[in-house]
Every structure is written in structure tokens, then in C-alpha cells.
Amino acid sequence: MNQNRRDMLRISAVLGMAFTAGLLKASDVFAADWNQTAFDAKSIDDVVKALGGDKFAVSGDVAITGPDIAENGAVVPVSVSSKVPNTEYMAILVEKNPSAMSAGFNIPAGTEAVISTRVKMGATSNVHALVKADGKWLVASKEIKVTLGGCGG
């Protein structure tokens, strides 16, 4: 058995015991509840409205990182971090995708507000980190150039 398989079995066993003991709930470890309206939105303004906000502000305490140039738009690594106290939600939006919102995550109280994932990008675009903290919506942006599109391109 290779090392990766052993590691996955150990993680599965530990999570299974935590669920059984009632220490973890599914909502603690999975992505945010599905909000179809937010995922169907075409712009950052529409996403904020679908998530219950009315406006957002640019913040230096929110950071988005990713490659300057992604060679394959099908798997673009993106990370978001927030230094704002009481961060409760994070989302990644790709401006030029058919649906702007690519991912959304609930951030449990008392945890470090950092997420990393891979998103699909059809073309060069601004990628936005949308963060809800203390009832305010904050955003940071980064342009990522795509050389091979991932959304049918």
C-alpha cells in the first residue's frame, strides 16, 4: 500500500471517529450551503445581492493569490486569506466565466480564514475574493492570464 493511500485511510478513520463521537458535523467540514441564485449570477454585484448584501468595499486585509499566467484554465490554483476579525464567509469569483461565482465557503468561528482550491477559467480574467466579515462585504482582485481555456475554450 503506498503512502498516499495510508494517509487517506488514516484521515478517513479520524474523521469517522470525530463524526461518530459528535465532535464534527457535516456542515463543519464541507463547503457552504448551495445558493443557486449566487452561482447563477453574472457579476460581483449580483453575487453580493444574492448572498444578502447590498454593497462591497475593496480591502487590503483580504488577499487573493494565484498564478500570473495559468497554462491550463481547467485547473487554476487560487487561495484567499482574510485578516479581518470575524470572517464568516469566503467566495471566489471569476469575472469572465459564464457564471461569476466559482466557489463559496463558510468559515467556522475561531478558525484561520484561509482557503485554497482550483477554479476553472475560460479566458484571461479578473478573479475576485469576496469575504463577509462583521456583516460587511469586502473584496480583493487579481488578474490571471489564461493561455489554454478551461470552459470549452
C-alpha atoms as a PDB file:
ATOM      1  CA  MET A   1       0.000   0.000   0.000  1.00  0.00           C
ATOM      2  CA  ASN A   2       1.504   3.337  -0.956  1.00  0.00           C
ATOM      3  CA  GLN A   3       1.964   6.240   1.468  1.00  0.00           C
ATOM      4  CA  ASN A   4      -0.819   8.407  -0.001  1.00  0.00           C
ATOM      5  CA  ARG A   5      -3.374   5.624   0.398  1.00  0.00           C
ATOM      6  CA  ARG A   6      -2.303   5.014   4.021  1.00  0.00           C
ATOM      7  CA  ASP A   7      -2.573   8.740   4.769  1.00  0.00           C
ATOM      8  CA  MET A   8      -6.087   8.887   3.269  1.00  0.00           C
ATOM      9  CA  LEU A   9      -7.172   5.854   5.305  1.00  0.00           C
ATOM     10  CA  ARG A  10      -5.857   7.454   8.497  1.00  0.00           C
ATOM     11  CA  ILE A  11      -7.624  10.750   7.769  1.00  0.00           C
ATOM     12  CA  SER A  12     -10.859   8.879   6.956  1.00  0.00           C
ATOM     13  CA  ALA A  13     -10.630   6.912  10.196  1.00  0.00           C
ATOM     14  CA  VAL A  14     -10.029  10.035  12.297  1.00  0.00           C
ATOM     15  CA  LEU A  15     -12.892  11.946  10.627  1.00  0.00           C
ATOM     16  CA  GLY A  16     -15.168   8.920  11.026  1.00  0.00           C
ATOM     17  CA  MET A  17     -14.439   8.749  14.757  1.00  0.00           C
ATOM     18  CA  ALA A  18     -14.993  12.510  15.123  1.00  0.00           C
ATOM     19  CA  PHE A  19     -18.382  12.263  13.364  1.00  0.00           C
ATOM     20  CA  THR A  20     -19.376   9.249  15.479  1.00  0.00           C
ATOM     21  CA  ALA A  21     -18.380  10.984  18.704  1.00  0.00           C
ATOM     22  CA  GLY A  22     -20.381  14.069  17.710  1.00  0.00           C
ATOM     23  CA  LEU A  23     -17.302  16.302  17.632  1.00  0.00           C
ATOM     24  CA  LEU A  24     -17.859  17.213  13.973  1.00  0.00           C
ATOM     25  CA  LYS A  25     -20.951  17.843  11.887  1.00  0.00           C
ATOM     26  CA  ALA A  26     -21.014  17.581   8.096  1.00  0.00           C
ATOM     27  CA  SER A  27     -21.568  21.350   7.876  1.00  0.00           C
ATOM     28  CA  ASP A  28     -18.250  21.883   9.713  1.00  0.00           C
ATOM     29  CA  VAL A  29     -16.136  20.272   7.003  1.00  0.00           C
ATOM     30  CA  PHE A  30     -17.965  20.750   3.727  1.00  0.00           C
ATOM     31  CA  ALA A  31     -18.382  23.802   1.519  1.00  0.00           C
ATOM     32  CA  ALA A  32     -21.091  26.374   2.196  1.00  0.00           C
ATOM     33  CA  ASP A  33     -24.757  25.638   1.573  1.00  0.00           C
ATOM     34  CA  TRP A  34     -25.678  25.741  -2.096  1.00  0.00           C
ATOM     35  CA  ASN A  35     -27.100  29.103  -3.175  1.00  0.00           C
ATOM     36  CA  GLN A  36     -28.281  28.616  -6.763  1.00  0.00           C
ATOM     37  CA  THR A  37     -29.023  32.319  -7.275  1.00  0.00           C
ATOM     38  CA  ALA A  38     -25.466  33.284  -6.286  1.00  0.00           C
ATOM     39  CA  PHE A  39     -23.953  30.647  -8.565  1.00  0.00           C
ATOM     40  CA  ASP A  40     -26.140  31.801 -11.473  1.00  0.00           C
ATOM     41  CA  ALA A  41     -25.182  35.481 -11.019  1.00  0.00           C
ATOM     42  CA  LYS A  42     -23.205  37.119 -13.813  1.00  0.00           C
ATOM     43  CA  SER A  43     -21.420  39.901 -11.884  1.00  0.00           C
ATOM     44  CA  ILE A  44     -19.879  40.576  -8.492  1.00  0.00           C
ATOM     45  CA  ASP A  45     -22.741  42.998  -7.675  1.00  0.00           C
ATOM     46  CA  ASP A  46     -25.318  40.298  -8.427  1.00  0.00           C
ATOM     47  CA  VAL A  47     -23.442  37.736  -6.314  1.00  0.00           C
ATOM     48  CA  VAL A  48     -23.322  40.089  -3.313  1.00  0.00           C
ATOM     49  CA  LYS A  49     -27.064  40.739  -3.648  1.00  0.00           C
ATOM     50  CA  ALA A  50     -27.815  37.010  -3.930  1.00  0.00           C
ATOM     51  CA  LEU A  51     -25.821  36.417  -0.731  1.00  0.00           C
ATOM     52  CA  GLY A  52     -27.832  39.044   1.155  1.00  0.00           C
ATOM     53  CA  GLY A  53     -25.561  42.073   0.865  1.00  0.00           C
ATOM     54  CA  ASP A  54     -26.107  45.398  -0.818  1.00  0.00           C
ATOM     55  CA  LYS A  55     -22.576  46.728  -1.376  1.00  0.00           C
ATOM     56  CA  PHE A  56     -18.916  45.779  -1.017  1.00  0.00           C
ATOM     57  CA  ALA A  57     -15.629  47.583  -0.441  1.00  0.00           C
ATOM     58  CA  VAL A  58     -12.047  46.913  -1.530  1.00  0.00           C
ATOM     59  CA  SER A  59      -9.938  45.811   1.441  1.00  0.00           C
ATOM     60  CA  GLY A  60      -6.197  45.491   1.969  1.00  0.00           C
ATOM     61  CA  ASP A  61      -6.915  42.927   4.701  1.00  0.00           C
ATOM     62  CA  VAL A  62      -8.243  40.448   2.131  1.00  0.00           C
ATOM     63  CA  ALA A  63      -5.731  38.799  -0.198  1.00  0.00           C
ATOM     64  CA  ILE A  64      -6.115  36.612  -3.251  1.00  0.00           C
ATOM     65  CA  THR A  65      -3.197  34.683  -4.696  1.00  0.00           C
ATOM     66  CA  GLY A  66      -2.844  32.687  -7.878  1.00  0.00           C
ATOM     67  CA  PRO A  67      -0.508  32.436 -10.832  1.00  0.00           C
ATOM     68  CA  ASP A  68       0.057  35.478 -13.030  1.00  0.00           C
ATOM     69  CA  ILE A  69      -0.259  33.140 -16.014  1.00  0.00           C
ATOM     70  CA  ALA A  70      -2.214  29.868 -15.918  1.00  0.00           C
ATOM     71  CA  GLU A  71      -1.201  27.491 -18.664  1.00  0.00           C
ATOM     72  CA  ASN A  72      -4.391  25.461 -18.283  1.00  0.00           C
ATOM     73  CA  GLY A  73      -7.630  27.261 -17.442  1.00  0.00           C
ATOM     74  CA  ALA A  74      -9.247  23.990 -16.362  1.00  0.00           C
ATOM     75  CA  VAL A  75      -7.236  23.858 -13.104  1.00  0.00           C
ATOM     76  CA  VAL A  76      -6.141  27.267 -11.840  1.00  0.00           C
ATOM     77  CA  PRO A  77      -4.925  27.256  -8.207  1.00  0.00           C
ATOM     78  CA  VAL A  78      -6.346  30.144  -6.161  1.00  0.00           C
ATOM     79  CA  SER A  79      -6.020  30.985  -2.459  1.00  0.00           C
ATOM     80  CA  VAL A  80      -7.882  33.554  -0.380  1.00  0.00           C
ATOM     81  CA  SER A  81      -6.968  34.832   3.082  1.00  0.00           C
ATOM     82  CA  SER A  82      -8.550  37.388   5.375  1.00  0.00           C
ATOM     83  CA  LYS A  83      -7.020  39.227   8.308  1.00  0.00           C
ATOM     84  CA  VAL A  84     -10.405  40.779   9.151  1.00  0.00           C
ATOM     85  CA  PRO A  85     -11.734  39.597  12.537  1.00  0.00           C
ATOM     86  CA  ASN A  86     -14.944  37.537  12.489  1.00  0.00           C
ATOM     87  CA  THR A  87     -14.586  36.404   8.872  1.00  0.00           C
ATOM     88  CA  GLU A  88     -17.559  34.118   8.292  1.00  0.00           C
ATOM     89  CA  TYR A  89     -17.739  33.534   4.528  1.00  0.00           C
ATOM     90  CA  MET A  90     -15.377  33.498   1.536  1.00  0.00           C
ATOM     91  CA  ALA A  91     -16.118  33.166  -2.169  1.00  0.00           C
ATOM     92  CA  ILE A  92     -14.073  33.083  -5.356  1.00  0.00           C
ATOM     93  CA  LEU A  93     -15.494  34.816  -8.438  1.00  0.00           C
ATOM     94  CA  VAL A  94     -14.146  34.693 -11.984  1.00  0.00           C
ATOM     95  CA  GLU A  95     -15.359  37.805 -13.800  1.00  0.00           C
ATOM     96  CA  LYS A  96     -15.432  36.474 -17.387  1.00  0.00           C
ATOM     97  CA  ASN A  97     -16.828  32.998 -16.679  1.00  0.00           C
ATOM     98  CA  PRO A  98     -20.444  32.356 -17.731  1.00  0.00           C
ATOM     99  CA  SER A  99     -21.349  32.290 -14.022  1.00  0.00           C
ATOM    100  CA  ALA A 100     -19.106  34.546 -11.938  1.00  0.00           C
ATOM    101  CA  MET A 101     -19.114  32.587  -8.665  1.00  0.00           C
ATOM    102  CA  SER A 102     -16.818  29.561  -8.687  1.00  0.00           C
ATOM    103  CA  ALA A 103     -16.780  28.568  -5.003  1.00  0.00           C
ATOM    104  CA  GLY A 104     -18.170  29.611  -1.621  1.00  0.00           C
ATOM    105  CA  PHE A 105     -17.065  28.563   1.863  1.00  0.00           C
ATOM    106  CA  ASN A 106     -18.428  29.071   5.374  1.00  0.00           C
ATOM    107  CA  ILE A 107     -15.604  29.883   7.799  1.00  0.00           C
ATOM    108  CA  PRO A 108     -16.314  28.482  11.295  1.00  0.00           C
ATOM    109  CA  ALA A 109     -15.759  30.872  14.200  1.00  0.00           C
ATOM    110  CA  GLY A 110     -12.283  30.653  15.695  1.00  0.00           C
ATOM    111  CA  THR A 111     -10.611  29.204  12.607  1.00  0.00           C
ATOM    112  CA  GLU A 112      -7.975  30.756  10.393  1.00  0.00           C
ATOM    113  CA  ALA A 113      -9.670  32.446   7.435  1.00  0.00           C
ATOM    114  CA  VAL A 114      -7.690  30.836   4.601  1.00  0.00           C
ATOM    115  CA  ILE A 115      -8.946  28.714   1.708  1.00  0.00           C
ATOM    116  CA  SER A 116      -7.231  27.165  -1.304  1.00  0.00           C
ATOM    117  CA  THR A 117      -8.814  25.447  -4.266  1.00  0.00           C
ATOM    118  CA  ARG A 118      -8.656  25.184  -8.037  1.00  0.00           C
ATOM    119  CA  VAL A 119     -11.081  27.004 -10.311  1.00  0.00           C
ATOM    120  CA  LYS A 120     -11.947  26.711 -13.972  1.00  0.00           C
ATOM    121  CA  MET A 121     -11.359  29.781 -16.151  1.00  0.00           C
ATOM    122  CA  GLY A 122     -12.481  30.127 -19.755  1.00  0.00           C
ATOM    123  CA  ALA A 123     -10.240  33.100 -20.534  1.00  0.00           C
ATOM    124  CA  THR A 124      -7.965  35.736 -19.039  1.00  0.00           C
ATOM    125  CA  SER A 125      -9.990  37.456 -16.326  1.00  0.00           C
ATOM    126  CA  ASN A 126     -10.051  39.288 -13.045  1.00  0.00           C
ATOM    127  CA  VAL A 127     -10.519  36.846 -10.172  1.00  0.00           C
ATOM    128  CA  HIS A 128     -12.156  38.264  -7.044  1.00  0.00           C
ATOM    129  CA  ALA A 129     -12.019  37.150  -3.424  1.00  0.00           C
ATOM    130  CA  LEU A 130     -15.310  38.084  -1.767  1.00  0.00           C
ATOM    131  CA  VAL A 131     -15.290  37.998   2.045  1.00  0.00           C
ATOM    132  CA  LYS A 132     -18.026  38.607   4.597  1.00  0.00           C
ATOM    133  CA  ALA A 133     -16.704  39.758   7.983  1.00  0.00           C
ATOM    134  CA  ASP A 134     -18.546  41.629  10.737  1.00  0.00           C
ATOM    135  CA  GLY A 135     -21.560  41.991   8.439  1.00  0.00           C
ATOM    136  CA  LYS A 136     -19.537  43.780   5.732  1.00  0.00           C
ATOM    137  CA  TRP A 137     -18.647  42.503   2.278  1.00  0.00           C
ATOM    138  CA  LEU A 138     -15.008  43.024   1.264  1.00  0.00           C
ATOM    139  CA  VAL A 139     -13.210  42.243  -1.972  1.00  0.00           C
ATOM    140  CA  ALA A 140      -9.695  41.830  -3.350  1.00  0.00           C
ATOM    141  CA  SER A 141      -8.884  41.162  -7.016  1.00  0.00           C
ATOM    142  CA  LYS A 142      -6.136  39.750  -9.202  1.00  0.00           C
ATOM    143  CA  GLU A 143      -5.879  39.369 -12.962  1.00  0.00           C
ATOM    144  CA  ILE A 144      -4.914  35.876 -14.098  1.00  0.00           C
ATOM    145  CA  LYS A 145      -3.941  35.352 -17.706  1.00  0.00           C
ATOM    146  CA  VAL A 146      -5.031  32.019 -19.234  1.00  0.00           C
ATOM    147  CA  THR A 147      -3.193  30.518 -22.189  1.00  0.00           C
ATOM    148  CA  LEU A 148      -5.486  27.468 -22.659  1.00  0.00           C
ATOM    149  CA  GLY A 149      -9.143  27.959 -21.733  1.00  0.00           C
ATOM    150  CA  GLY A 150     -10.896  25.564 -19.379  1.00  0.00           C
ATOM    151  CA  CYS A 151     -14.551  26.416 -20.070  1.00  0.00           C
ATOM    152  CA  GLY A 152     -14.904  24.958 -23.515  1.00  0.00           C
ATOM    153  CA  GLY A 153     -12.035  27.042 -24.939  1.00  0.00           C
END
